[in-house]
Amino acid sequence: MTSTDDRSTTDRLRPVMRQMWASVADRWAAHADEVDTMRAAVTVALLERTSPGPGDRVLELAGGPGGVGLAAAERVGPGGEVVITDVAAEMTAVAAARAAARGLAHVVTRERDLEEIAEPDDAFDVVLCREGLMFAADPARAAAEIRRVLRSGGRLAVAVWGSRGANPWLGLLFDAVTAQTGQPVPPPGVPGPFGLGDGERLAALLRGAGLEEVRVEELAVPTRAESFEHWWSRTTALAGPLAGMIAAMPEAPREALRERLRADVEPYRVTDGYELPGLTLLASARRPGAA
């Protein structure tokens, strides 16, 4: 159970997280198609675990540019509806533009918080979240909200990053920035990408929210780049608050960081570029009751 003090702390964090994602929305827009290609296996797995079909109502949470919701829209067809949400309106604007470009009139976008989903009870057949739940200041509160908006028998699938050590594609950057600045990344108390990297904790979180048939799987998702510069530019653009921090560095420290990382990723060189390991935890569950 969340205490009043804990609730106050998480409530103070929420506008910080909203601003953080708003500040990088333009970078995510520029890389949206590439990200969807990189995460295609994760998206397929999320859809396979939840089986959205014709006429279903689907909610994508922390959707950013909306790649998962757009993929779900193809499955539910015009008789269904997909609601793509994000805490930052700047992100939902990107998703809306992408849906419009594809002629998906049954996709709508809304600004919604994972921990206070402003949707009615029992409203959705499927809830999806690709790499967003770990950024909730209070993930237990978010899980309870997900259960609330699911219909009886409704299905959930979320993907979160595994442990930092299993994800050098991003962990190396965090380590290098910490060494360069002397400041831990992410800062203490701020949710980070590896915060739900323990499968047992993730399963317990969903069960604690009253969901059943909870299953957590590991999915290898290596990150590929044709060159170091490709990896550097893409990773630093998409790395949330680090993007602004790195961009604000004076030239000399920034170049020192770049050269350190050039050496750090060298062990992952392959014939046609670089391949850095990545590990996603894929959790699925359902709300008790008849579908």
C-alpha atoms as a PDB file:
ATOM      1  CA  MET A   1       0.000   0.000   0.000  1.00  0.00           C
ATOM      2  CA  THR A   2       1.324   3.446  -0.932  1.00  0.00           C
ATOM      3  CA  SER A   3       1.791   5.855   1.967  1.00  0.00           C
ATOM      4  CA  THR A   4       0.834   9.528   1.863  1.00  0.00           C
ATOM      5  CA  ASP A   5       4.517  10.510   1.826  1.00  0.00           C
ATOM      6  CA  ASP A   6       5.248   8.109  -1.041  1.00  0.00           C
ATOM      7  CA  ARG A   7       2.250   9.409  -2.970  1.00  0.00           C
ATOM      8  CA  SER A   8       3.423  12.996  -2.476  1.00  0.00           C
ATOM      9  CA  THR A   9       6.900  12.116  -3.750  1.00  0.00           C
ATOM     10  CA  THR A  10       5.607  10.354  -6.844  1.00  0.00           C
ATOM     11  CA  ASP A  11       3.167  13.166  -7.569  1.00  0.00           C
ATOM     12  CA  ARG A  12       6.075  15.621  -7.541  1.00  0.00           C
ATOM     13  CA  LEU A  13       8.001  13.426  -9.950  1.00  0.00           C
ATOM     14  CA  ARG A  14       5.238  13.194 -12.524  1.00  0.00           C
ATOM     15  CA  PRO A  15       5.573  16.708 -14.021  1.00  0.00           C
ATOM     16  CA  VAL A  16       9.327  16.160 -14.165  1.00  0.00           C
ATOM     17  CA  MET A  17       8.835  12.988 -16.195  1.00  0.00           C
ATOM     18  CA  ARG A  18       6.260  14.698 -18.394  1.00  0.00           C
ATOM     19  CA  GLN A  19       8.667  17.504 -19.238  1.00  0.00           C
ATOM     20  CA  MET A  20      11.486  15.040 -19.810  1.00  0.00           C
ATOM     21  CA  TRP A  21       9.561  13.174 -22.497  1.00  0.00           C
ATOM     22  CA  ALA A  22       8.138  16.343 -23.997  1.00  0.00           C
ATOM     23  CA  SER A  23      11.679  17.638 -24.491  1.00  0.00           C
ATOM     24  CA  VAL A  24      12.713  14.658 -26.639  1.00  0.00           C
ATOM     25  CA  ALA A  25       9.500  14.196 -28.647  1.00  0.00           C
ATOM     26  CA  ASP A  26      11.013  15.726 -31.775  1.00  0.00           C
ATOM     27  CA  ARG A  27      13.926  13.279 -31.637  1.00  0.00           C
ATOM     28  CA  TRP A  28      11.581  10.343 -31.177  1.00  0.00           C
ATOM     29  CA  ALA A  29       9.536  11.571 -34.138  1.00  0.00           C
ATOM     30  CA  ALA A  30      12.653  11.588 -36.313  1.00  0.00           C
ATOM     31  CA  HIS A  31      13.540   8.014 -35.305  1.00  0.00           C
ATOM     32  CA  ALA A  32      10.004   6.588 -34.961  1.00  0.00           C
ATOM     33  CA  ASP A  33      10.098   4.267 -37.959  1.00  0.00           C
ATOM     34  CA  GLU A  34      13.581   3.042 -37.082  1.00  0.00           C
ATOM     35  CA  VAL A  35      12.555   2.346 -33.484  1.00  0.00           C
ATOM     36  CA  ASP A  36       9.528   0.362 -34.670  1.00  0.00           C
ATOM     37  CA  THR A  37      11.795  -1.709 -36.912  1.00  0.00           C
ATOM     38  CA  MET A  38      14.242  -2.315 -34.058  1.00  0.00           C
ATOM     39  CA  ARG A  39      11.425  -3.300 -31.687  1.00  0.00           C
ATOM     40  CA  ALA A  40       9.362  -5.263 -34.218  1.00  0.00           C
ATOM     41  CA  ALA A  41       9.889  -8.578 -32.431  1.00  0.00           C
ATOM     42  CA  VAL A  42       8.719  -7.030 -29.155  1.00  0.00           C
ATOM     43  CA  THR A  43       5.618  -5.586 -30.813  1.00  0.00           C
ATOM     44  CA  VAL A  44       4.749  -8.924 -32.404  1.00  0.00           C
ATOM     45  CA  ALA A  45       5.149 -10.666 -29.042  1.00  0.00           C
ATOM     46  CA  LEU A  46       2.912  -8.121 -27.279  1.00  0.00           C
ATOM     47  CA  LEU A  47       0.188  -8.629 -29.882  1.00  0.00           C
ATOM     48  CA  GLU A  48       0.533 -12.414 -29.836  1.00  0.00           C
ATOM     49  CA  ARG A  49       0.090 -12.513 -26.054  1.00  0.00           C
ATOM     50  CA  THR A  50      -3.070 -10.380 -26.130  1.00  0.00           C
ATOM     51  CA  SER A  51      -4.645 -11.348 -29.486  1.00  0.00           C
ATOM     52  CA  PRO A  52      -6.469  -8.106 -30.302  1.00  0.00           C
ATOM     53  CA  GLY A  53      -9.112  -8.866 -32.912  1.00  0.00           C
ATOM     54  CA  PRO A  54     -11.836  -7.201 -34.975  1.00  0.00           C
ATOM     55  CA  GLY A  55     -13.985  -4.872 -32.905  1.00  0.00           C
ATOM     56  CA  ASP A  56     -11.728  -4.794 -29.843  1.00  0.00           C
ATOM     57  CA  ARG A  57     -10.889  -1.619 -27.943  1.00  0.00           C
ATOM     58  CA  VAL A  58      -7.150  -1.371 -27.336  1.00  0.00           C
ATOM     59  CA  LEU A  59      -5.260   1.042 -25.088  1.00  0.00           C
ATOM     60  CA  GLU A  60      -1.564   1.729 -25.616  1.00  0.00           C
ATOM     61  CA  LEU A  61       0.065   3.338 -22.583  1.00  0.00           C
ATOM     62  CA  ALA A  62       3.267   5.406 -22.622  1.00  0.00           C
ATOM     63  CA  GLY A  63       3.025   5.018 -26.368  1.00  0.00           C
ATOM     64  CA  GLY A  64       5.397   7.746 -27.501  1.00  0.00           C
ATOM     65  CA  PRO A  65       5.120   7.773 -31.318  1.00  0.00           C
ATOM     66  CA  GLY A  66       2.536   4.984 -31.082  1.00  0.00           C
ATOM     67  CA  GLY A  67       4.210   2.098 -32.876  1.00  0.00           C
ATOM     68  CA  VAL A  68       2.447  -0.639 -30.916  1.00  0.00           C
ATOM     69  CA  GLY A  69      -0.957   1.001 -31.150  1.00  0.00           C
ATOM     70  CA  LEU A  70      -0.595   1.467 -34.905  1.00  0.00           C
ATOM     71  CA  ALA A  71       0.251  -2.211 -35.278  1.00  0.00           C
ATOM     72  CA  ALA A  72      -2.762  -3.165 -33.136  1.00  0.00           C
ATOM     73  CA  ALA A  73      -4.997  -0.974 -35.308  1.00  0.00           C
ATOM     74  CA  GLU A  74      -4.372  -3.248 -38.257  1.00  0.00           C
ATOM     75  CA  ARG A  75      -5.753  -6.164 -36.229  1.00  0.00           C
ATOM     76  CA  VAL A  76      -8.870  -4.578 -34.740  1.00  0.00           C
ATOM     77  CA  GLY A  77      -9.953  -2.999 -38.014  1.00  0.00           C
ATOM     78  CA  PRO A  78     -12.322  -0.057 -38.453  1.00  0.00           C
ATOM     79  CA  GLY A  79     -14.923  -1.749 -36.251  1.00  0.00           C
ATOM     80  CA  GLY A  80     -12.582  -1.478 -33.275  1.00  0.00           C
ATOM     81  CA  GLU A  81     -10.737   1.409 -31.677  1.00  0.00           C
ATOM     82  CA  VAL A  82      -7.166   2.019 -30.580  1.00  0.00           C
ATOM     83  CA  VAL A  83      -6.393   4.736 -28.044  1.00  0.00           C
ATOM     84  CA  ILE A  84      -2.712   5.711 -28.048  1.00  0.00           C
ATOM     85  CA  THR A  85      -1.711   7.635 -24.945  1.00  0.00           C
ATOM     86  CA  ASP A  86       1.365   9.267 -23.483  1.00  0.00           C
ATOM     87  CA  VAL A  87       2.100  11.565 -20.569  1.00  0.00           C
ATOM     88  CA  ALA A  88       3.451  14.196 -22.993  1.00  0.00           C
ATOM     89  CA  ALA A  89       1.115  15.868 -25.479  1.00  0.00           C
ATOM     90  CA  GLU A  90       4.108  16.403 -27.739  1.00  0.00           C
ATOM     91  CA  MET A  91       4.439  12.626 -28.051  1.00  0.00           C
ATOM     92  CA  THR A  92       0.752  11.998 -28.736  1.00  0.00           C
ATOM     93  CA  ALA A  93       0.911  14.628 -31.488  1.00  0.00           C
ATOM     94  CA  VAL A  94       3.567  12.505 -33.199  1.00  0.00           C
ATOM     95  CA  ALA A  95       1.410   9.379 -32.870  1.00  0.00           C
ATOM     96  CA  ALA A  96      -1.636  11.232 -34.217  1.00  0.00           C
ATOM     97  CA  ALA A  97       0.288  12.407 -37.279  1.00  0.00           C
ATOM     98  CA  ARG A  98       1.534   8.886 -37.961  1.00  0.00           C
ATOM     99  CA  ALA A  99      -1.991   7.452 -37.665  1.00  0.00           C
ATOM    100  CA  ALA A 100      -3.386  10.107 -39.997  1.00  0.00           C
ATOM    101  CA  ALA A 101      -0.665   9.427 -42.561  1.00  0.00           C
ATOM    102  CA  ARG A 102      -1.762   5.767 -42.598  1.00  0.00           C
ATOM    103  CA  GLY A 103      -5.448   6.605 -42.869  1.00  0.00           C
ATOM    104  CA  LEU A 104      -6.266   4.929 -39.543  1.00  0.00           C
ATOM    105  CA  ALA A 105      -9.434   6.794 -38.588  1.00  0.00           C
ATOM    106  CA  HIS A 106     -10.143   4.338 -35.759  1.00  0.00           C
ATOM    107  CA  VAL A 107      -6.996   5.441 -33.904  1.00  0.00           C
ATOM    108  CA  VAL A 108      -7.303   8.302 -31.423  1.00  0.00           C
ATOM    109  CA  THR A 109      -4.648   9.841 -29.198  1.00  0.00           C
ATOM    110  CA  ARG A 110      -4.967  11.240 -25.682  1.00  0.00           C
ATOM    111  CA  GLU A 111      -2.676  12.659 -23.036  1.00  0.00           C
ATOM    112  CA  ARG A 112      -2.844  10.191 -20.162  1.00  0.00           C
ATOM    113  CA  ASP A 113      -0.726   9.355 -17.131  1.00  0.00           C
ATOM    114  CA  LEU A 114       0.157   5.738 -16.389  1.00  0.00           C
ATOM    115  CA  GLU A 115      -0.682   6.258 -12.730  1.00  0.00           C
ATOM    116  CA  GLU A 116      -3.969   8.105 -13.305  1.00  0.00           C
ATOM    117  CA  ILE A 117      -5.479   6.742 -16.491  1.00  0.00           C
ATOM    118  CA  ALA A 118      -8.358   9.111 -17.158  1.00  0.00           C
ATOM    119  CA  GLU A 119     -10.530   6.456 -18.805  1.00  0.00           C
ATOM    120  CA  PRO A 120     -13.664   4.717 -17.494  1.00  0.00           C
ATOM    121  CA  ASP A 121     -13.613   1.446 -15.597  1.00  0.00           C
ATOM    122  CA  ASP A 122     -13.897  -1.723 -17.709  1.00  0.00           C
ATOM    123  CA  ALA A 123     -13.259   0.191 -20.925  1.00  0.00           C
ATOM    124  CA  PHE A 124     -10.720  -1.883 -22.876  1.00  0.00           C
ATOM    125  CA  ASP A 125     -10.311  -5.426 -24.124  1.00  0.00           C
ATOM    126  CA  VAL A 126      -6.528  -5.084 -24.385  1.00  0.00           C
ATOM    127  CA  VAL A 127      -3.892  -2.884 -22.749  1.00  0.00           C
ATOM    128  CA  LEU A 128      -0.386  -2.698 -24.239  1.00  0.00           C
ATOM    129  CA  CYS A 129       2.748  -0.933 -23.060  1.00  0.00           C
ATOM    130  CA  ARG A 130       6.121  -1.203 -24.780  1.00  0.00           C
ATOM    131  CA  GLU A 131       9.005   0.011 -22.643  1.00  0.00           C
ATOM    132  CA  GLY A 132       7.049   2.492 -20.560  1.00  0.00           C
ATOM    133  CA  LEU A 133       5.928   0.933 -17.273  1.00  0.00           C
ATOM    134  CA  MET A 134       9.437   1.122 -15.790  1.00  0.00           C
ATOM    135  CA  PHE A 135       9.268   4.932 -15.986  1.00  0.00           C
ATOM    136  CA  ALA A 136       6.218   5.118 -13.707  1.00  0.00           C
ATOM    137  CA  ALA A 137       7.102   6.799 -10.434  1.00  0.00           C
ATOM    138  CA  ASP A 138       4.745   4.335  -8.697  1.00  0.00           C
ATOM    139  CA  PRO A 139       4.486   1.199 -10.872  1.00  0.00           C
ATOM    140  CA  ALA A 140       2.139  -0.525  -8.411  1.00  0.00           C
ATOM    141  CA  ARG A 141      -0.294   2.355  -8.760  1.00  0.00           C
ATOM    142  CA  ALA A 142       0.033   2.090 -12.551  1.00  0.00           C
ATOM    143  CA  ALA A 143      -0.647  -1.663 -12.467  1.00  0.00           C
ATOM    144  CA  ALA A 144      -3.785  -1.095 -10.399  1.00  0.00           C
ATOM    145  CA  GLU A 145      -4.980   1.486 -12.914  1.00  0.00           C
ATOM    146  CA  ILE A 146      -4.390  -0.945 -15.767  1.00  0.00           C
ATOM    147  CA  ARG A 147      -6.530  -3.546 -14.042  1.00  0.00           C
ATOM    148  CA  ARG A 148      -9.263  -0.982 -13.478  1.00  0.00           C
ATOM    149  CA  VAL A 149      -9.574   0.021 -17.138  1.00  0.00           C
ATOM    150  CA  LEU A 150      -9.498  -3.585 -18.400  1.00  0.00           C
ATOM    151  CA  ARG A 151     -12.780  -5.355 -18.920  1.00  0.00           C
ATOM    152  CA  SER A 152     -13.409  -8.695 -17.231  1.00  0.00           C
ATOM    153  CA  GLY A 153     -11.220 -11.187 -19.040  1.00  0.00           C
ATOM    154  CA  GLY A 154      -9.279  -8.367 -20.679  1.00  0.00           C
ATOM    155  CA  ARG A 155      -5.663  -8.975 -21.643  1.00  0.00           C
ATOM    156  CA  LEU A 156      -2.505  -7.087 -20.779  1.00  0.00           C
ATOM    157  CA  ALA A 157       1.022  -7.276 -22.178  1.00  0.00           C
ATOM    158  CA  VAL A 158       3.913  -5.029 -21.188  1.00  0.00           C
ATOM    159  CA  ALA A 159       7.558  -5.016 -22.192  1.00  0.00           C
ATOM    160  CA  VAL A 160      10.272  -3.565 -19.964  1.00  0.00           C
ATOM    161  CA  TRP A 161      14.036  -3.652 -20.214  1.00  0.00           C
ATOM    162  CA  GLY A 162      15.881  -6.361 -18.306  1.00  0.00           C
ATOM    163  CA  SER A 163      18.822  -5.628 -16.045  1.00  0.00           C
ATOM    164  CA  ARG A 164      21.394  -2.965 -16.832  1.00  0.00           C
ATOM    165  CA  GLY A 165      24.107  -5.589 -17.250  1.00  0.00           C
ATOM    166  CA  ALA A 166      22.037  -7.428 -19.862  1.00  0.00           C
ATOM    167  CA  ASN A 167      21.565  -4.234 -21.893  1.00  0.00           C
ATOM    168  CA  PRO A 168      24.981  -2.764 -22.737  1.00  0.00           C
ATOM    169  CA  TRP A 169      23.465  -0.951 -25.722  1.00  0.00           C
ATOM    170  CA  LEU A 170      22.256   1.637 -23.171  1.00  0.00           C
ATOM    171  CA  GLY A 171      24.060   0.667 -19.966  1.00  0.00           C
ATOM    172  CA  LEU A 172      27.416   1.617 -21.496  1.00  0.00           C
ATOM    173  CA  LEU A 173      26.128   5.128 -22.146  1.00  0.00           C
ATOM    174  CA  PHE A 174      24.828   5.463 -18.583  1.00  0.00           C
ATOM    175  CA  ASP A 175      28.154   4.269 -17.174  1.00  0.00           C
ATOM    176  CA  ALA A 176      30.160   6.641 -19.358  1.00  0.00           C
ATOM    177  CA  VAL A 177      28.046   9.690 -18.513  1.00  0.00           C
ATOM    178  CA  THR A 178      28.265   8.849 -14.811  1.00  0.00           C
ATOM    179  CA  ALA A 179      32.060   8.591 -15.071  1.00  0.00           C
ATOM    180  CA  GLN A 180      32.299  11.819 -17.090  1.00  0.00           C
ATOM    181  CA  THR A 181      30.054  13.952 -14.876  1.00  0.00           C
ATOM    182  CA  GLY A 182      30.422  12.289 -11.487  1.00  0.00           C
ATOM    183  CA  GLN A 183      26.615  12.153 -11.241  1.00  0.00           C
ATOM    184  CA  PRO A 184      24.677   8.870 -11.148  1.00  0.00           C
ATOM    185  CA  VAL A 185      22.437   8.135 -14.112  1.00  0.00           C
ATOM    186  CA  PRO A 186      19.536   8.126 -13.583  1.00  0.00           C
ATOM    187  CA  PRO A 187      19.594  10.443 -10.546  1.00  0.00           C
ATOM    188  CA  PRO A 188      18.504   8.919  -7.217  1.00  0.00           C
ATOM    189  CA  GLY A 189      14.744   8.667  -6.939  1.00  0.00           C
ATOM    190  CA  VAL A 190      14.078   9.110 -10.661  1.00  0.00           C
ATOM    191  CA  PRO A 191      12.656   6.047 -12.455  1.00  0.00           C
ATOM    192  CA  GLY A 192      15.048   4.618 -15.016  1.00  0.00           C
ATOM    193  CA  PRO A 193      14.869   2.131 -17.883  1.00  0.00           C
ATOM    194  CA  PHE A 194      16.121  -0.817 -15.806  1.00  0.00           C
ATOM    195  CA  GLY A 195      13.908  -0.233 -12.774  1.00  0.00           C
ATOM    196  CA  LEU A 196      11.710  -3.291 -13.457  1.00  0.00           C
ATOM    197  CA  GLY A 197      14.499  -5.496 -14.749  1.00  0.00           C
ATOM    198  CA  ASP A 198      13.803  -8.247 -12.186  1.00  0.00           C
ATOM    199  CA  GLY A 199      11.291 -10.721 -13.584  1.00  0.00           C
ATOM    200  CA  GLU A 200      10.069 -11.878 -10.191  1.00  0.00           C
ATOM    201  CA  ARG A 201       9.418  -8.309  -9.104  1.00  0.00           C
ATOM    202  CA  LEU A 202       7.554  -7.603 -12.340  1.00  0.00           C
ATOM    203  CA  ALA A 203       5.347 -10.672 -11.916  1.00  0.00           C
ATOM    204  CA  ALA A 204       4.641  -9.801  -8.277  1.00  0.00           C
ATOM    205  CA  LEU A 205       3.673  -6.277  -9.325  1.00  0.00           C
ATOM    206  CA  LEU A 206       0.995  -7.562 -11.699  1.00  0.00           C
ATOM    207  CA  ARG A 207      -0.293 -10.180  -9.289  1.00  0.00           C
ATOM    208  CA  GLY A 208      -0.447  -7.563  -6.556  1.00  0.00           C
ATOM    209  CA  ALA A 209      -2.760  -5.519  -8.780  1.00  0.00           C
ATOM    210  CA  GLY A 210      -5.211  -8.429  -8.918  1.00  0.00           C
ATOM    211  CA  LEU A 211      -4.290  -9.739 -12.365  1.00  0.00           C
ATOM    212  CA  GLU A 212      -4.090 -13.453 -13.093  1.00  0.00           C
ATOM    213  CA  GLU A 213      -2.365 -15.859 -15.493  1.00  0.00           C
ATOM    214  CA  VAL A 214       0.750 -13.736 -15.067  1.00  0.00           C
ATOM    215  CA  ARG A 215       3.639 -14.851 -17.229  1.00  0.00           C
ATOM    216  CA  VAL A 216       7.063 -13.228 -17.617  1.00  0.00           C
ATOM    217  CA  GLU A 217       9.370 -14.199 -20.481  1.00  0.00           C
ATOM    218  CA  GLU A 218      12.784 -13.066 -21.627  1.00  0.00           C
ATOM    219  CA  LEU A 219      13.218 -11.845 -25.175  1.00  0.00           C
ATOM    220  CA  ALA A 220      16.622 -11.114 -26.687  1.00  0.00           C
ATOM    221  CA  VAL A 221      16.540  -7.813 -28.587  1.00  0.00           C
ATOM    222  CA  PRO A 222      20.037  -6.928 -29.799  1.00  0.00           C
ATOM    223  CA  THR A 223      20.629  -3.380 -30.972  1.00  0.00           C
ATOM    224  CA  ARG A 224      22.288  -3.110 -34.358  1.00  0.00           C
ATOM    225  CA  ALA A 225      24.009  -0.116 -35.919  1.00  0.00           C
ATOM    226  CA  GLU A 226      25.914   0.216 -39.168  1.00  0.00           C
ATOM    227  CA  SER A 227      28.639   2.302 -37.531  1.00  0.00           C
ATOM    228  CA  PHE A 228      29.666   3.790 -34.216  1.00  0.00           C
ATOM    229  CA  GLU A 229      28.331   7.190 -35.331  1.00  0.00           C
ATOM    230  CA  HIS A 230      24.975   5.623 -36.140  1.00  0.00           C
ATOM    231  CA  TRP A 231      24.745   4.037 -32.682  1.00  0.00           C
ATOM    232  CA  TRP A 232      25.954   7.219 -30.967  1.00  0.00           C
ATOM    233  CA  SER A 233      23.552   9.581 -32.726  1.00  0.00           C
ATOM    234  CA  ARG A 234      20.509   7.352 -32.325  1.00  0.00           C
ATOM    235  CA  THR A 235      21.141   6.325 -28.715  1.00  0.00           C
ATOM    236  CA  THR A 236      21.928   9.814 -27.464  1.00  0.00           C
ATOM    237  CA  ALA A 237      18.888  11.218 -29.278  1.00  0.00           C
ATOM    238  CA  LEU A 238      16.483   8.746 -27.661  1.00  0.00           C
ATOM    239  CA  ALA A 239      18.004   8.531 -24.178  1.00  0.00           C
ATOM    240  CA  GLY A 240      15.468  10.709 -22.376  1.00  0.00           C
ATOM    241  CA  PRO A 241      17.111  13.274 -20.069  1.00  0.00           C
ATOM    242  CA  LEU A 242      20.590  12.221 -21.184  1.00  0.00           C
ATOM    243  CA  ALA A 243      19.893  13.652 -24.625  1.00  0.00           C
ATOM    244  CA  GLY A 244      19.705  17.179 -23.213  1.00  0.00           C
ATOM    245  CA  MET A 245      22.552  16.614 -20.778  1.00  0.00           C
ATOM    246  CA  ILE A 246      24.918  15.463 -23.529  1.00  0.00           C
ATOM    247  CA  ALA A 247      23.843  18.202 -25.912  1.00  0.00           C
ATOM    248  CA  ALA A 248      24.563  20.793 -23.195  1.00  0.00           C
ATOM    249  CA  MET A 249      28.089  19.530 -22.517  1.00  0.00           C
ATOM    250  CA  PRO A 250      30.993  21.728 -23.625  1.00  0.00           C
ATOM    251  CA  GLU A 251      32.685  20.387 -26.722  1.00  0.00           C
ATOM    252  CA  ALA A 252      35.758  18.904 -25.025  1.00  0.00           C
ATOM    253  CA  PRO A 253      33.898  16.768 -22.433  1.00  0.00           C
ATOM    254  CA  ARG A 254      31.394  15.689 -25.062  1.00  0.00           C
ATOM    255  CA  GLU A 255      34.181  14.545 -27.370  1.00  0.00           C
ATOM    256  CA  ALA A 256      35.871  12.742 -24.481  1.00  0.00           C
ATOM    257  CA  LEU A 257      32.606  10.938 -23.779  1.00  0.00           C
ATOM    258  CA  ARG A 258      32.240   9.998 -27.428  1.00  0.00           C
ATOM    259  CA  GLU A 259      35.766   8.592 -27.617  1.00  0.00           C
ATOM    260  CA  ARG A 260      35.343   6.607 -24.409  1.00  0.00           C
ATOM    261  CA  LEU A 261      32.210   5.044 -25.798  1.00  0.00           C
ATOM    262  CA  ARG A 262      33.866   4.348 -29.138  1.00  0.00           C
ATOM    263  CA  ALA A 263      36.293   2.116 -27.223  1.00  0.00           C
ATOM    264  CA  ASP A 264      33.555   0.645 -25.023  1.00  0.00           C
ATOM    265  CA  VAL A 265      31.458  -0.601 -27.958  1.00  0.00           C
ATOM    266  CA  GLU A 266      34.407  -1.968 -29.935  1.00  0.00           C
ATOM    267  CA  PRO A 267      34.017  -5.494 -28.475  1.00  0.00           C
ATOM    268  CA  TYR A 268      30.580  -5.582 -30.118  1.00  0.00           C
ATOM    269  CA  ARG A 269      31.821  -4.948 -33.638  1.00  0.00           C
ATOM    270  CA  VAL A 270      30.536  -7.398 -36.271  1.00  0.00           C
ATOM    271  CA  THR A 271      31.113  -7.694 -40.009  1.00  0.00           C
ATOM    272  CA  ASP A 272      28.554  -5.073 -40.994  1.00  0.00           C
ATOM    273  CA  GLY A 273      28.732  -2.704 -38.021  1.00  0.00           C
ATOM    274  CA  TYR A 274      27.910  -3.271 -34.364  1.00  0.00           C
ATOM    275  CA  GLU A 275      25.553  -5.559 -32.472  1.00  0.00           C
ATOM    276  CA  LEU A 276      25.039  -4.843 -28.776  1.00  0.00           C
ATOM    277  CA  PRO A 277      23.040  -7.276 -26.632  1.00  0.00           C
ATOM    278  CA  GLY A 278      19.666  -6.291 -25.263  1.00  0.00           C
ATOM    279  CA  LEU A 279      17.166  -8.124 -23.094  1.00  0.00           C
ATOM    280  CA  THR A 280      13.476  -7.358 -22.732  1.00  0.00           C
ATOM    281  CA  LEU A 281      11.138  -8.826 -20.137  1.00  0.00           C
ATOM    282  CA  LEU A 282       7.734  -9.489 -21.624  1.00  0.00           C
ATOM    283  CA  ALA A 283       4.919  -9.789 -19.098  1.00  0.00           C
ATOM    284  CA  SER A 284       1.375 -10.849 -19.927  1.00  0.00           C
ATOM    285  CA  ALA A 285      -1.710 -11.247 -17.756  1.00  0.00           C
ATOM    286  CA  ARG A 286      -5.464 -10.974 -17.761  1.00  0.00           C
ATOM    287  CA  ARG A 287      -8.118  -9.453 -15.554  1.00  0.00           C
ATOM    288  CA  PRO A 288     -10.172 -12.118 -13.786  1.00  0.00           C
ATOM    289  CA  GLY A 289     -13.604 -12.818 -15.185  1.00  0.00           C
ATOM    290  CA  ALA A 290     -15.210 -13.939 -18.390  1.00  0.00           C
ATOM    291  CA  ALA A 291     -14.090 -12.297 -21.595  1.00  0.00           C
END
